[in-house]
Amino acid sequence: MSATNPGMNITADELAHRVDGTWLTPPGELTVTAVEIDSRQCAQGTLFAALAGQQADGHDYVAAAAANGAAAA
């Protein structure tokens, strides 16, 4: 699943606010342009949503998503 929106540009602060979260390490200048749950589909600007499923745990693929260019996970 990919949630790519040509108008999607979410800053790090806005993302944290939308999910009622905090950054463990402040990301600095970060803009998310897409959300992806498949680490193989990640590219620059992608937020990788690591979901735990019945057959696989997305948390096991965070490093792969980062290697593919994900901006955050």
N, C-alpha and C. Protein backbone atom coordinates (compact mmCIF):
# COMPACT_ATOMS: atom_id res chain seq x y z
N MET A 1 0.84 -1.17 0.00
CA MET A 1 0.00 0.00 0.00
C MET A 1 0.88 1.22 0.00
N SER A 2 0.59 2.12 -0.85
CA SER A 2 1.30 3.38 -0.89
C SER A 2 0.28 4.50 -0.86
N ALA A 3 0.54 5.48 -0.01
CA ALA A 3 -0.35 6.63 0.06
C ALA A 3 0.43 7.83 -0.46
N THR A 4 0.55 7.90 -1.75
CA THR A 4 1.26 9.00 -2.37
C THR A 4 0.24 10.03 -2.83
N ASN A 5 0.50 11.25 -2.49
CA ASN A 5 -0.38 12.35 -2.83
C ASN A 5 0.49 13.46 -3.38
N PRO A 6 0.30 13.88 -4.61
CA PRO A 6 1.16 14.92 -5.18
C PRO A 6 1.25 16.17 -4.32
N GLY A 7 0.23 16.46 -3.53
CA GLY A 7 0.25 17.65 -2.68
C GLY A 7 0.71 17.38 -1.26
N MET A 8 1.09 16.14 -0.98
CA MET A 8 1.48 15.77 0.38
C MET A 8 2.88 16.29 0.69
N ASN A 9 2.98 17.17 1.64
CA ASN A 9 4.25 17.67 2.16
C ASN A 9 4.04 17.96 3.63
N ILE A 10 4.38 17.00 4.47
CA ILE A 10 4.16 17.12 5.90
C ILE A 10 5.50 17.28 6.59
N THR A 11 5.63 18.32 7.40
CA THR A 11 6.87 18.54 8.13
C THR A 11 6.95 17.60 9.33
N ALA A 12 8.12 17.48 9.90
CA ALA A 12 8.33 16.62 11.06
C ALA A 12 7.44 17.05 12.23
N ASP A 13 7.37 18.34 12.50
CA ASP A 13 6.53 18.82 13.60
C ASP A 13 5.05 18.52 13.35
N GLU A 14 4.60 18.71 12.12
CA GLU A 14 3.19 18.45 11.79
C GLU A 14 2.89 16.95 11.90
N LEU A 15 3.83 16.11 11.47
CA LEU A 15 3.63 14.67 11.57
C LEU A 15 3.50 14.25 13.03
N ALA A 16 4.38 14.72 13.88
CA ALA A 16 4.32 14.38 15.31
C ALA A 16 2.99 14.83 15.91
N HIS A 17 2.55 16.02 15.52
CA HIS A 17 1.28 16.54 16.02
C HIS A 17 0.11 15.66 15.56
N ARG A 18 0.10 15.27 14.30
CA ARG A 18 -1.01 14.49 13.74
C ARG A 18 -1.15 13.12 14.40
N VAL A 19 -0.05 12.55 14.84
CA VAL A 19 -0.12 11.22 15.46
C VAL A 19 0.03 11.28 16.97
N ASP A 20 -0.01 12.50 17.51
CA ASP A 20 0.13 12.72 18.94
C ASP A 20 1.39 12.03 19.47
N GLY A 21 2.49 12.25 18.74
CA GLY A 21 3.76 11.62 19.10
C GLY A 21 4.85 12.62 19.37
N THR A 22 5.97 12.10 19.75
CA THR A 22 7.17 12.90 19.96
C THR A 22 8.33 12.20 19.28
N TRP A 23 9.32 12.97 18.89
CA TRP A 23 10.51 12.42 18.24
C TRP A 23 11.51 12.00 19.30
N LEU A 24 12.03 10.79 19.21
CA LEU A 24 13.09 10.34 20.11
C LEU A 24 14.38 11.07 19.76
N THR A 25 14.62 11.25 18.48
CA THR A 25 15.75 12.03 17.98
C THR A 25 15.17 13.05 17.02
N PRO A 26 15.30 14.34 17.32
CA PRO A 26 14.74 15.36 16.42
C PRO A 26 15.30 15.19 15.00
N PRO A 27 14.41 15.11 14.01
CA PRO A 27 14.86 14.84 12.64
C PRO A 27 15.41 16.05 11.90
N GLY A 28 15.31 17.23 12.47
CA GLY A 28 15.77 18.42 11.74
C GLY A 28 14.82 18.73 10.60
N GLU A 29 15.38 19.05 9.47
CA GLU A 29 14.58 19.37 8.29
C GLU A 29 14.10 18.07 7.66
N LEU A 30 12.82 17.81 7.77
CA LEU A 30 12.23 16.59 7.23
C LEU A 30 10.88 16.93 6.64
N THR A 31 10.64 16.47 5.44
CA THR A 31 9.34 16.61 4.81
C THR A 31 8.94 15.25 4.27
N VAL A 32 7.77 14.78 4.68
CA VAL A 32 7.25 13.50 4.22
C VAL A 32 6.36 13.75 3.01
N THR A 33 6.63 13.01 1.94
CA THR A 33 5.87 13.18 0.71
C THR A 33 5.03 11.95 0.36
N ALA A 34 5.23 10.84 1.11
CA ALA A 34 4.45 9.63 0.87
C ALA A 34 4.52 8.75 2.11
N VAL A 35 3.55 7.87 2.25
CA VAL A 35 3.53 6.90 3.33
C VAL A 35 3.50 5.52 2.69
N GLU A 36 4.33 4.61 3.21
CA GLU A 36 4.46 3.29 2.61
C GLU A 36 4.53 2.23 3.70
N ILE A 37 3.92 1.05 3.45
CA ILE A 37 4.04 -0.06 4.39
C ILE A 37 4.92 -1.18 3.84
N ASP A 38 5.39 -1.04 2.61
CA ASP A 38 6.28 -2.02 1.98
C ASP A 38 7.66 -1.39 1.87
N SER A 39 8.62 -1.91 2.64
CA SER A 39 9.96 -1.32 2.67
C SER A 39 10.62 -1.29 1.30
N ARG A 40 10.25 -2.21 0.43
CA ARG A 40 10.83 -2.27 -0.92
C ARG A 40 10.36 -1.11 -1.79
N GLN A 41 9.26 -0.48 -1.42
CA GLN A 41 8.69 0.61 -2.20
C GLN A 41 9.12 1.99 -1.69
N CYS A 42 9.89 2.02 -0.61
CA CYS A 42 10.30 3.30 -0.01
C CYS A 42 11.27 4.04 -0.92
N ALA A 43 11.19 5.34 -0.88
CA ALA A 43 12.08 6.22 -1.64
C ALA A 43 12.29 7.48 -0.81
N GLN A 44 13.08 8.39 -1.32
CA GLN A 44 13.35 9.63 -0.61
C GLN A 44 12.05 10.34 -0.27
N GLY A 45 11.92 10.74 1.00
CA GLY A 45 10.74 11.46 1.45
C GLY A 45 9.61 10.58 1.97
N THR A 46 9.80 9.25 1.91
CA THR A 46 8.77 8.31 2.34
C THR A 46 8.79 8.12 3.86
N LEU A 47 7.62 8.05 4.46
CA LEU A 47 7.47 7.62 5.84
C LEU A 47 7.13 6.14 5.79
N PHE A 48 7.96 5.28 6.38
CA PHE A 48 7.70 3.85 6.41
C PHE A 48 6.90 3.55 7.66
N ALA A 49 5.68 3.07 7.49
CA ALA A 49 4.83 2.68 8.61
C ALA A 49 5.05 1.20 8.88
N ALA A 50 5.80 0.91 9.94
CA ALA A 50 6.15 -0.47 10.30
C ALA A 50 4.99 -1.10 11.06
N LEU A 51 4.24 -1.94 10.39
CA LEU A 51 3.07 -2.57 10.99
C LEU A 51 3.36 -4.04 11.28
N ALA A 52 2.86 -4.52 12.40
CA ALA A 52 2.99 -5.93 12.73
C ALA A 52 1.78 -6.67 12.17
N GLY A 53 2.05 -7.67 11.34
CA GLY A 53 0.99 -8.44 10.74
C GLY A 53 1.04 -9.89 11.18
N GLN A 54 0.19 -10.72 10.61
CA GLN A 54 0.14 -12.13 10.97
C GLN A 54 1.33 -12.90 10.39
N GLN A 55 1.82 -12.49 9.23
CA GLN A 55 2.91 -13.21 8.58
C GLN A 55 4.25 -12.51 8.69
N ALA A 56 4.26 -11.22 8.90
CA ALA A 56 5.52 -10.47 8.97
C ALA A 56 5.34 -9.27 9.90
N ASP A 57 6.45 -8.83 10.47
CA ASP A 57 6.46 -7.66 11.34
C ASP A 57 7.27 -6.57 10.64
N GLY A 58 6.60 -5.50 10.28
CA GLY A 58 7.26 -4.41 9.58
C GLY A 58 8.46 -3.83 10.31
N HIS A 59 8.50 -3.99 11.63
CA HIS A 59 9.63 -3.48 12.40
C HIS A 59 10.93 -4.17 12.01
N ASP A 60 10.82 -5.38 11.48
CA ASP A 60 12.00 -6.12 11.02
C ASP A 60 12.57 -5.53 9.73
N TYR A 61 11.84 -4.62 9.10
CA TYR A 61 12.24 -4.09 7.81
C TYR A 61 12.57 -2.59 7.84
N VAL A 62 12.68 -2.02 9.02
CA VAL A 62 12.99 -0.59 9.14
C VAL A 62 14.34 -0.28 8.51
N ALA A 63 15.35 -1.10 8.76
CA ALA A 63 16.68 -0.86 8.19
C ALA A 63 16.63 -0.93 6.66
N ALA A 64 15.86 -1.86 6.11
CA ALA A 64 15.72 -1.96 4.65
C ALA A 64 15.03 -0.73 4.09
N ALA A 65 14.00 -0.25 4.79
CA ALA A 65 13.31 0.96 4.34
C ALA A 65 14.28 2.15 4.34
N ALA A 66 15.09 2.26 5.37
CA ALA A 66 16.07 3.35 5.45
C ALA A 66 17.08 3.23 4.31
N ALA A 67 17.52 2.02 4.04
CA ALA A 67 18.48 1.80 2.95
C ALA A 67 17.90 2.17 1.59
N ASN A 68 16.58 2.05 1.48
CA ASN A 68 15.89 2.42 0.24
C ASN A 68 15.54 3.90 0.17
N GLY A 69 15.88 4.65 1.23
CA GLY A 69 15.69 6.09 1.19
C GLY A 69 14.60 6.66 2.08
N ALA A 70 13.93 5.81 2.86
CA ALA A 70 12.86 6.32 3.72
C ALA A 70 13.38 7.45 4.62
N ALA A 71 12.58 8.49 4.76
CA ALA A 71 12.96 9.64 5.57
C ALA A 71 12.72 9.40 7.04
N ALA A 72 11.75 8.54 7.35
CA ALA A 72 11.40 8.27 8.76
C ALA A 72 10.64 6.95 8.80
N ALA A 73 10.57 6.40 10.01
CA ALA A 73 9.80 5.15 10.20
C ALA A 73 9.05 5.25 11.50
